[in-house]
């Protein structure tokens, strides 16, 4: 068990592969920006 064993974390690092023993780090979720709320006053101003 070591550098030559692909089933271990060390073996994955040496081999340069990712797998069950050495998963990729999860990517951060993109920040969601809520849409600007339109107030009734703004709607009335648009119509005028």
PDB file of N, CA and C in Angstrom:
ATOM      1  N   UNK A   1       0.854  -1.174   0.000  1.00  0.00           N
ATOM      2  CA  UNK A   1       0.000   0.000   0.000  1.00  0.00           C
ATOM      3  C   UNK A   1       0.901   1.238   0.000  1.00  0.00           C
ATOM      4  N   UNK A   2       0.821   1.995  -1.045  1.00  0.00           N
ATOM      5  CA  UNK A   2       1.653   3.194  -1.081  1.00  0.00           C
ATOM      6  C   UNK A   2       1.576   3.883  -2.420  1.00  0.00           C
ATOM      7  N   UNK A   3       2.735   4.297  -2.909  1.00  0.00           N
ATOM      8  CA  UNK A   3       2.787   5.084  -4.137  1.00  0.00           C
ATOM      9  C   UNK A   3       2.306   4.331  -5.377  1.00  0.00           C
ATOM     10  N   UNK A   4       2.444   3.048  -5.378  1.00  0.00           N
ATOM     11  CA  UNK A   4       2.030   2.271  -6.545  1.00  0.00           C
ATOM     12  C   UNK A   4       0.582   1.810  -6.503  1.00  0.00           C
ATOM     13  N   UNK A   5      -0.046   1.923  -5.326  1.00  0.00           N
ATOM     14  CA  UNK A   5      -1.415   1.437  -5.153  1.00  0.00           C
ATOM     15  C   UNK A   5      -2.412   2.534  -5.530  1.00  0.00           C
ATOM     16  N   UNK A   6      -3.119   2.309  -6.622  1.00  0.00           N
ATOM     17  CA  UNK A   6      -4.040   3.318  -7.143  1.00  0.00           C
ATOM     18  C   UNK A   6      -5.303   3.447  -6.289  1.00  0.00           C
ATOM     19  N   UNK A   7      -5.532   2.520  -5.374  1.00  0.00           N
ATOM     20  CA  UNK A   7      -6.719   2.581  -4.523  1.00  0.00           C
ATOM     21  C   UNK A   7      -6.505   3.443  -3.277  1.00  0.00           C
ATOM     22  N   UNK A   8      -5.280   3.924  -3.070  1.00  0.00           N
ATOM     23  CA  UNK A   8      -5.009   4.773  -1.911  1.00  0.00           C
ATOM     24  C   UNK A   8      -4.869   6.221  -2.341  1.00  0.00           C
ATOM     25  N   UNK A   9      -5.003   7.124  -1.381  1.00  0.00           N
ATOM     26  CA  UNK A   9      -4.886   8.556  -1.661  1.00  0.00           C
ATOM     27  C   UNK A   9      -3.495   8.890  -2.201  1.00  0.00           C
ATOM     28  N   UNK A  10      -2.470   8.317  -1.574  1.00  0.00           N
ATOM     29  CA  UNK A  10      -1.090   8.580  -2.006  1.00  0.00           C
ATOM     30  C   UNK A  10      -0.863   8.062  -3.422  1.00  0.00           C
ATOM     31  N   UNK A  11      -1.409   6.898  -3.725  1.00  0.00           N
ATOM     32  CA  UNK A  11      -1.271   6.339  -5.073  1.00  0.00           C
ATOM     33  C   UNK A  11      -1.959   7.202  -6.118  1.00  0.00           C
ATOM     34  N   UNK A  12      -3.095   7.789  -5.768  1.00  0.00           N
ATOM     35  CA  UNK A  12      -3.813   8.685  -6.688  1.00  0.00           C
ATOM     36  C   UNK A  12      -2.994   9.947  -6.951  1.00  0.00           C
ATOM     37  N   UNK A  13      -2.380  10.487  -5.879  1.00  0.00           N
ATOM     38  CA  UNK A  13      -1.571  11.703  -6.022  1.00  0.00           C
ATOM     39  C   UNK A  13      -0.372  11.440  -6.926  1.00  0.00           C
ATOM     40  N   UNK A  14       0.313  10.334  -6.706  1.00  0.00           N
ATOM     41  CA  UNK A  14       1.493   9.990  -7.503  1.00  0.00           C
ATOM     42  C   UNK A  14       1.100   9.724  -8.957  1.00  0.00           C
ATOM     43  N   UNK A  15      -0.023   9.026  -9.140  1.00  0.00           N
ATOM     44  CA  UNK A  15      -0.492   8.682 -10.478  1.00  0.00           C
ATOM     45  C   UNK A  15      -1.084   9.893 -11.201  1.00  0.00           C
ATOM     46  N   UNK A  16      -1.503  10.913 -10.433  1.00  0.00           N
ATOM     47  CA  UNK A  16      -2.079  12.125 -11.016  1.00  0.00           C
ATOM     48  C   UNK A  16      -3.527  11.959 -11.424  1.00  0.00           C
ATOM     49  N   UNK A  17      -4.237  11.077 -10.739  1.00  0.00           N
ATOM     50  CA  UNK A  17      -5.647  10.863 -11.088  1.00  0.00           C
ATOM     51  C   UNK A  17      -6.539  11.199  -9.906  1.00  0.00           C
ATOM     52  N   UNK A  18      -7.801  11.376 -10.189  1.00  0.00           N
ATOM     53  CA  UNK A  18      -8.795  11.629  -9.153  1.00  0.00           C
ATOM     54  C   UNK A  18      -9.770  10.461  -9.178  1.00  0.00           C
ATOM     55  N   UNK A  19     -10.353  10.161  -8.036  1.00  0.00           N
ATOM     56  CA  UNK A  19     -11.279   9.047  -7.982  1.00  0.00           C
ATOM     57  C   UNK A  19     -11.997   8.989  -6.663  1.00  0.00           C
ATOM     58  N   UNK A  20     -12.465   7.793  -6.276  1.00  0.00           N
ATOM     59  CA  UNK A  20     -13.233   7.616  -5.053  1.00  0.00           C
ATOM     60  C   UNK A  20     -12.384   7.968  -3.832  1.00  0.00           C
ATOM     61  N   UNK A  21     -11.126   7.576  -3.850  1.00  0.00           N
ATOM     62  CA  UNK A  21     -10.254   7.834  -2.707  1.00  0.00           C
ATOM     63  C   UNK A  21      -9.796   9.282  -2.638  1.00  0.00           C
ATOM     64  N   UNK A  22      -9.865  10.000  -3.771  1.00  0.00           N
ATOM     65  CA  UNK A  22      -9.360  11.368  -3.816  1.00  0.00           C
ATOM     66  C   UNK A  22     -10.252  12.223  -4.709  1.00  0.00           C
ATOM     67  N   UNK A  23     -11.436  12.587  -4.217  1.00  0.00           N
ATOM     68  CA  UNK A  23     -12.368  13.358  -5.038  1.00  0.00           C
ATOM     69  C   UNK A  23     -11.903  14.797  -5.246  1.00  0.00           C
ATOM     70  N   UNK A  24     -12.383  15.419  -6.316  1.00  0.00           N
ATOM     71  CA  UNK A  24     -12.092  16.824  -6.579  1.00  0.00           C
ATOM     72  C   UNK A  24     -12.768  17.671  -5.511  1.00  0.00           C
ATOM     73  N   UNK A  25     -12.202  18.842  -5.259  1.00  0.00           N
ATOM     74  CA  UNK A  25     -12.853  19.768  -4.336  1.00  0.00           C
ATOM     75  C   UNK A  25     -14.072  20.338  -5.030  1.00  0.00           C
ATOM     76  N   UNK A  26     -15.163  20.485  -4.296  1.00  0.00           N
ATOM     77  CA  UNK A  26     -16.397  21.019  -4.859  1.00  0.00           C
ATOM     78  C   UNK A  26     -16.210  22.489  -5.209  1.00  0.00           C
ATOM     79  N   UNK A  27     -16.743  22.879  -6.362  1.00  0.00           N
ATOM     80  CA  UNK A  27     -16.655  24.274  -6.777  1.00  0.00           C
ATOM     81  C   UNK A  27     -17.674  25.087  -5.996  1.00  0.00           C
ATOM     82  N   UNK A  28     -17.332  26.319  -5.708  1.00  0.00           N
ATOM     83  CA  UNK A  28     -18.245  27.190  -4.972  1.00  0.00           C
ATOM     84  C   UNK A  28     -19.401  27.578  -5.877  1.00  0.00           C
ATOM     85  N   UNK A  29     -20.594  27.588  -5.309  1.00  0.00           N
ATOM     86  CA  UNK A  29     -21.791  27.943  -6.075  1.00  0.00           C
ATOM     87  C   UNK A  29     -21.740  29.427  -6.435  1.00  0.00           C
ATOM     88  N   UNK A  30     -22.225  29.739  -7.622  1.00  0.00           N
ATOM     89  CA  UNK A  30     -22.257  31.127  -8.070  1.00  0.00           C
ATOM     90  C   UNK A  30     -23.249  31.908  -7.224  1.00  0.00           C
ATOM     91  N   UNK A  31     -22.904  33.138  -6.930  1.00  0.00           N
ATOM     92  CA  UNK A  31     -23.766  33.977  -6.097  1.00  0.00           C
ATOM     93  C   UNK A  31     -24.952  34.443  -6.930  1.00  0.00           C
ATOM     94  N   UNK A  32     -26.163  34.223  -6.407  1.00  0.00           N
ATOM     95  CA  UNK A  32     -27.379  34.589  -7.126  1.00  0.00           C
ATOM     96  C   UNK A  32     -27.811  35.976  -6.662  1.00  0.00           C
ATOM     97  N   UNK A  33     -27.963  36.876  -7.630  1.00  0.00           N
ATOM     98  CA  UNK A  33     -28.396  38.239  -7.320  1.00  0.00           C
ATOM     99  C   UNK A  33     -29.875  38.342  -7.659  1.00  0.00           C
ATOM    100  N   UNK A  34     -30.723  38.646  -6.672  1.00  0.00           N
ATOM    101  CA  UNK A  34     -32.167  38.732  -6.953  1.00  0.00           C
ATOM    102  C   UNK A  34     -32.472  39.925  -7.860  1.00  0.00           C
ATOM    103  N   UNK A  35     -33.468  39.758  -8.708  1.00  0.00           N
ATOM    104  CA  UNK A  35     -33.869  40.828  -9.615  1.00  0.00           C
ATOM    105  C   UNK A  35     -34.462  41.974  -8.804  1.00  0.00           C
ATOM    106  N   UNK A  36     -34.263  43.181  -9.297  1.00  0.00           N
ATOM    107  CA  UNK A  36     -34.778  44.354  -8.597  1.00  0.00           C
ATOM    108  C   UNK A  36     -36.298  44.348  -8.643  1.00  0.00           C
ATOM    109  N   UNK A  37     -36.909  44.573  -7.504  1.00  0.00           N
ATOM    110  CA  UNK A  37     -38.369  44.575  -7.433  1.00  0.00           C
ATOM    111  C   UNK A  37     -38.894  45.922  -7.927  1.00  0.00           C
ATOM    112  N   UNK A  38     -39.926  45.885  -8.760  1.00  0.00           N
ATOM    113  CA  UNK A  38     -40.529  47.107  -9.276  1.00  0.00           C
ATOM    114  C   UNK A  38     -41.694  47.467  -8.378  1.00  0.00           C
ATOM    115  N   UNK A  39     -41.621  48.650  -7.810  1.00  0.00           N
ATOM    116  CA  UNK A  39     -42.675  49.101  -6.902  1.00  0.00           C
ATOM    117  C   UNK A  39     -43.804  49.745  -7.704  1.00  0.00           C
ATOM    118  N   UNK A  40     -45.000  49.811  -7.161  1.00  0.00           N
ATOM    119  CA  UNK A  40     -46.119  50.451  -7.860  1.00  0.00           C
ATOM    120  C   UNK A  40     -45.835  51.915  -8.199  1.00  0.00           C
ATOM    121  N   UNK A  41     -45.045  52.588  -7.369  1.00  0.00           N
ATOM    122  CA  UNK A  41     -44.723  53.996  -7.633  1.00  0.00           C
ATOM    123  C   UNK A  41     -43.868  54.099  -8.903  1.00  0.00           C
ATOM    124  N   UNK A  42     -42.928  53.163  -9.062  1.00  0.00           N
ATOM    125  CA  UNK A  42     -42.070  53.187 -10.240  1.00  0.00           C
ATOM    126  C   UNK A  42     -42.867  52.894 -11.490  1.00  0.00           C
ATOM    127  N   UNK A  43     -43.857  51.987 -11.382  1.00  0.00           N
ATOM    128  CA  UNK A  43     -44.720  51.668 -12.533  1.00  0.00           C
ATOM    129  C   UNK A  43     -45.528  52.893 -12.945  1.00  0.00           C
ATOM    130  N   UNK A  44     -46.062  53.626 -11.959  1.00  0.00           N
ATOM    131  CA  UNK A  44     -46.867  54.822 -12.234  1.00  0.00           C
ATOM    132  C   UNK A  44     -46.005  55.895 -12.890  1.00  0.00           C
ATOM    133  N   UNK A  45     -44.759  56.012 -12.471  1.00  0.00           N
ATOM    134  CA  UNK A  45     -43.852  57.007 -13.038  1.00  0.00           C
ATOM    135  C   UNK A  45     -43.511  56.655 -14.485  1.00  0.00           C
ATOM    136  N   UNK A  46     -43.426  55.376 -14.799  1.00  0.00           N
ATOM    137  CA  UNK A  46     -43.129  54.939 -16.165  1.00  0.00           C
ATOM    138  C   UNK A  46     -44.264  55.293 -17.119  1.00  0.00           C
ATOM    139  N   UNK A  47     -45.486  55.129 -16.659  1.00  0.00           N
ATOM    140  CA  UNK A  47     -46.662  55.382 -17.501  1.00  0.00           C
ATOM    141  C   UNK A  47     -46.797  56.865 -17.832  1.00  0.00           C
ATOM    142  N   UNK A  48     -46.409  57.746 -16.936  1.00  0.00           N
ATOM    143  CA  UNK A  48     -46.578  59.190 -17.127  1.00  0.00           C
ATOM    144  C   UNK A  48     -45.639  59.756 -18.166  1.00  0.00           C
TER     145      UNK A  48
END
